[in-house]
Amino acid sequence: MASSVKSFAISGIDAYVVNIESDTIYGQPSVTIVGLGDAAIKEARQRLEAAINHENYDFPKMKVVINLAPGDIKKSG
């Protein structure tokens, strides 16, 4: 992966580490989020694109893949 950052998620009284990894690859420009995300996570694609465009950054003309690990834990929000 091209870049990685650690985050945390809370489920009930438990907290766990979520590694957020991203990479750009050649292909049709798009954003793909993988790693057991719910509908709110899938909708984050549009928020991400809007935020990047709003700050006058050029969105990559490549396919962006975002991985939320570990893949066996459901992510929400």
N, C-alpha and C. Protein backbone atom coordinates (compact mmCIF):
# COMPACT_ATOMS: atom_id res chain seq x y z
N MET A 1 0.83 -1.18 0.00
CA MET A 1 0.00 0.00 0.00
C MET A 1 0.88 1.25 0.00
N ALA A 2 0.40 2.28 -0.64
CA ALA A 2 1.17 3.51 -0.77
C ALA A 2 1.24 4.30 0.52
N SER A 3 0.16 4.31 1.30
CA SER A 3 0.18 5.02 2.57
C SER A 3 -0.71 4.29 3.56
N SER A 4 -0.40 4.52 4.84
CA SER A 4 -1.12 3.82 5.89
C SER A 4 -1.19 4.71 7.12
N VAL A 5 -2.31 4.64 7.83
CA VAL A 5 -2.49 5.38 9.07
C VAL A 5 -3.30 4.51 10.02
N LYS A 6 -3.06 4.64 11.30
CA LYS A 6 -3.81 3.88 12.29
C LYS A 6 -4.94 4.74 12.84
N SER A 7 -6.07 4.10 13.08
CA SER A 7 -7.21 4.75 13.69
C SER A 7 -7.78 3.77 14.70
N PHE A 8 -8.83 4.16 15.37
CA PHE A 8 -9.45 3.29 16.36
C PHE A 8 -10.95 3.31 16.17
N ALA A 9 -11.59 2.22 16.54
CA ALA A 9 -13.04 2.11 16.48
C ALA A 9 -13.53 1.56 17.81
N ILE A 10 -14.75 1.93 18.16
CA ILE A 10 -15.35 1.47 19.40
C ILE A 10 -16.57 0.64 19.06
N SER A 11 -16.68 -0.50 19.71
CA SER A 11 -17.83 -1.38 19.56
C SER A 11 -18.30 -1.74 20.96
N GLY A 12 -19.38 -1.12 21.40
CA GLY A 12 -19.83 -1.34 22.78
C GLY A 12 -18.81 -0.76 23.74
N ILE A 13 -18.25 -1.62 24.59
CA ILE A 13 -17.21 -1.15 25.52
C ILE A 13 -15.81 -1.52 25.04
N ASP A 14 -15.73 -2.17 23.89
CA ASP A 14 -14.44 -2.60 23.35
C ASP A 14 -13.93 -1.59 22.32
N ALA A 15 -12.63 -1.42 22.29
CA ALA A 15 -11.98 -0.59 21.28
C ALA A 15 -10.98 -1.45 20.52
N TYR A 16 -10.79 -1.16 19.27
CA TYR A 16 -9.83 -1.92 18.48
C TYR A 16 -9.17 -1.02 17.45
N VAL A 17 -7.99 -1.41 17.03
CA VAL A 17 -7.21 -0.65 16.05
C VAL A 17 -7.72 -0.96 14.65
N VAL A 18 -7.86 0.08 13.85
CA VAL A 18 -8.21 -0.06 12.44
C VAL A 18 -7.07 0.55 11.63
N ASN A 19 -6.44 -0.25 10.80
CA ASN A 19 -5.40 0.24 9.89
C ASN A 19 -6.07 0.69 8.60
N ILE A 20 -5.86 1.94 8.24
CA ILE A 20 -6.43 2.49 7.01
C ILE A 20 -5.28 2.59 6.01
N GLU A 21 -5.38 1.81 4.95
CA GLU A 21 -4.32 1.76 3.93
C GLU A 21 -4.91 2.23 2.61
N SER A 22 -4.13 2.98 1.86
CA SER A 22 -4.62 3.43 0.55
C SER A 22 -3.54 3.24 -0.50
N ASP A 23 -4.00 3.09 -1.72
CA ASP A 23 -3.09 2.92 -2.84
C ASP A 23 -3.78 3.42 -4.09
N THR A 24 -3.01 3.86 -5.05
CA THR A 24 -3.55 4.23 -6.36
C THR A 24 -2.97 3.26 -7.38
N ILE A 25 -3.84 2.82 -8.27
CA ILE A 25 -3.43 1.90 -9.31
C ILE A 25 -4.01 2.37 -10.64
N TYR A 26 -3.39 1.94 -11.73
CA TYR A 26 -3.91 2.30 -13.04
C TYR A 26 -5.26 1.65 -13.25
N GLY A 27 -6.17 2.41 -13.80
CA GLY A 27 -7.51 1.93 -14.07
C GLY A 27 -8.45 3.11 -14.18
N GLN A 28 -9.71 2.83 -14.40
CA GLN A 28 -10.70 3.89 -14.50
C GLN A 28 -10.76 4.66 -13.19
N PRO A 29 -10.72 6.00 -13.22
CA PRO A 29 -10.74 6.78 -11.98
C PRO A 29 -11.96 6.45 -11.13
N SER A 30 -11.71 6.00 -9.91
CA SER A 30 -12.78 5.65 -8.99
C SER A 30 -12.19 5.49 -7.60
N VAL A 31 -13.08 5.37 -6.62
CA VAL A 31 -12.67 5.11 -5.24
C VAL A 31 -13.36 3.82 -4.81
N THR A 32 -12.59 2.88 -4.29
CA THR A 32 -13.13 1.62 -3.79
C THR A 32 -12.71 1.47 -2.34
N ILE A 33 -13.68 1.21 -1.45
CA ILE A 33 -13.40 1.00 -0.04
C ILE A 33 -13.70 -0.46 0.28
N VAL A 34 -12.71 -1.18 0.80
CA VAL A 34 -12.87 -2.59 1.14
C VAL A 34 -12.58 -2.79 2.62
N GLY A 35 -13.10 -3.88 3.19
CA GLY A 35 -12.80 -4.20 4.58
C GLY A 35 -14.01 -4.22 5.48
N LEU A 36 -15.13 -4.75 5.03
CA LEU A 36 -16.35 -4.91 5.81
C LEU A 36 -16.92 -3.60 6.33
N GLY A 37 -17.00 -2.60 5.48
CA GLY A 37 -17.64 -1.35 5.85
C GLY A 37 -19.13 -1.39 5.59
N ASP A 38 -19.92 -0.71 6.44
CA ASP A 38 -21.37 -0.68 6.24
C ASP A 38 -21.73 0.39 5.21
N ALA A 39 -23.02 0.67 5.07
CA ALA A 39 -23.48 1.62 4.04
C ALA A 39 -22.90 3.01 4.26
N ALA A 40 -22.76 3.46 5.51
CA ALA A 40 -22.20 4.78 5.78
C ALA A 40 -20.76 4.87 5.32
N ILE A 41 -20.01 3.79 5.46
CA ILE A 41 -18.62 3.77 4.99
C ILE A 41 -18.59 3.84 3.47
N LYS A 42 -19.47 3.10 2.82
CA LYS A 42 -19.51 3.11 1.36
C LYS A 42 -19.87 4.50 0.83
N GLU A 43 -20.75 5.23 1.56
CA GLU A 43 -21.13 6.57 1.14
C GLU A 43 -20.01 7.58 1.35
N ALA A 44 -19.00 7.22 2.12
CA ALA A 44 -17.88 8.12 2.37
C ALA A 44 -17.11 8.42 1.09
N ARG A 45 -17.26 7.58 0.07
CA ARG A 45 -16.57 7.83 -1.20
C ARG A 45 -16.93 9.20 -1.75
N GLN A 46 -18.22 9.53 -1.76
CA GLN A 46 -18.65 10.82 -2.29
C GLN A 46 -18.16 11.96 -1.40
N ARG A 47 -18.18 11.77 -0.08
CA ARG A 47 -17.70 12.81 0.83
C ARG A 47 -16.20 13.04 0.63
N LEU A 48 -15.46 11.98 0.41
CA LEU A 48 -14.02 12.08 0.18
C LEU A 48 -13.73 12.86 -1.10
N GLU A 49 -14.40 12.50 -2.17
CA GLU A 49 -14.19 13.20 -3.44
C GLU A 49 -14.57 14.67 -3.33
N ALA A 50 -15.69 14.97 -2.65
CA ALA A 50 -16.13 16.36 -2.49
C ALA A 50 -15.13 17.16 -1.66
N ALA A 51 -14.61 16.57 -0.59
CA ALA A 51 -13.65 17.27 0.26
C ALA A 51 -12.36 17.58 -0.49
N ILE A 52 -11.88 16.63 -1.27
CA ILE A 52 -10.65 16.85 -2.04
C ILE A 52 -10.87 17.95 -3.08
N ASN A 53 -11.99 17.91 -3.77
CA ASN A 53 -12.28 18.94 -4.78
C ASN A 53 -12.49 20.31 -4.14
N HIS A 54 -13.13 20.34 -2.97
CA HIS A 54 -13.41 21.60 -2.27
C HIS A 54 -12.12 22.31 -1.86
N GLU A 55 -11.10 21.56 -1.54
CA GLU A 55 -9.82 22.13 -1.12
C GLU A 55 -8.90 22.42 -2.31
N ASN A 56 -9.46 22.34 -3.52
CA ASN A 56 -8.74 22.64 -4.76
C ASN A 56 -7.56 21.71 -5.02
N TYR A 57 -7.64 20.50 -4.52
CA TYR A 57 -6.66 19.48 -4.88
C TYR A 57 -7.17 18.74 -6.11
N ASP A 58 -6.28 18.26 -6.91
CA ASP A 58 -6.67 17.46 -8.07
C ASP A 58 -6.88 16.03 -7.62
N PHE A 59 -8.05 15.49 -7.92
CA PHE A 59 -8.31 14.10 -7.59
C PHE A 59 -7.52 13.24 -8.56
N PRO A 60 -6.86 12.19 -8.09
CA PRO A 60 -6.02 11.37 -8.97
C PRO A 60 -6.81 10.81 -10.14
N LYS A 61 -6.20 10.78 -11.29
CA LYS A 61 -6.82 10.20 -12.48
C LYS A 61 -6.55 8.71 -12.54
N MET A 62 -6.61 8.06 -11.39
CA MET A 62 -6.33 6.64 -11.25
C MET A 62 -7.39 6.04 -10.33
N LYS A 63 -7.34 4.74 -10.17
CA LYS A 63 -8.23 4.05 -9.25
C LYS A 63 -7.62 4.14 -7.85
N VAL A 64 -8.41 4.59 -6.87
CA VAL A 64 -7.97 4.69 -5.48
C VAL A 64 -8.61 3.54 -4.71
N VAL A 65 -7.79 2.75 -4.04
CA VAL A 65 -8.28 1.64 -3.23
C VAL A 65 -7.96 1.94 -1.77
N ILE A 66 -8.99 1.90 -0.91
CA ILE A 66 -8.83 2.14 0.52
C ILE A 66 -9.21 0.86 1.24
N ASN A 67 -8.28 0.34 2.05
CA ASN A 67 -8.50 -0.89 2.79
C ASN A 67 -8.63 -0.57 4.27
N LEU A 68 -9.72 -1.06 4.89
CA LEU A 68 -9.92 -0.92 6.33
C LEU A 68 -9.66 -2.27 6.96
N ALA A 69 -8.53 -2.40 7.67
CA ALA A 69 -8.14 -3.68 8.25
C ALA A 69 -8.23 -3.59 9.77
N PRO A 70 -8.60 -4.63 10.46
CA PRO A 70 -8.77 -6.00 10.00
C PRO A 70 -10.08 -6.18 9.25
N GLY A 71 -10.07 -7.07 8.30
CA GLY A 71 -11.21 -7.30 7.43
C GLY A 71 -12.33 -8.10 8.05
N ASP A 72 -12.09 -8.71 9.21
CA ASP A 72 -13.12 -9.57 9.80
C ASP A 72 -14.00 -8.83 10.81
N ILE A 73 -13.76 -7.54 11.04
CA ILE A 73 -14.56 -6.76 11.99
C ILE A 73 -15.37 -5.75 11.20
N LYS A 74 -16.69 -5.73 11.44
CA LYS A 74 -17.59 -4.81 10.75
C LYS A 74 -17.31 -3.38 11.21
N LYS A 75 -17.16 -2.46 10.23
CA LYS A 75 -16.94 -1.05 10.54
C LYS A 75 -18.21 -0.28 10.21
N SER A 76 -18.54 0.71 11.04
CA SER A 76 -19.72 1.52 10.78
C SER A 76 -19.38 2.98 11.02
N GLY A 77 -20.20 3.85 10.43
CA GLY A 77 -20.03 5.28 10.66
C GLY A 77 -19.19 5.90 9.65
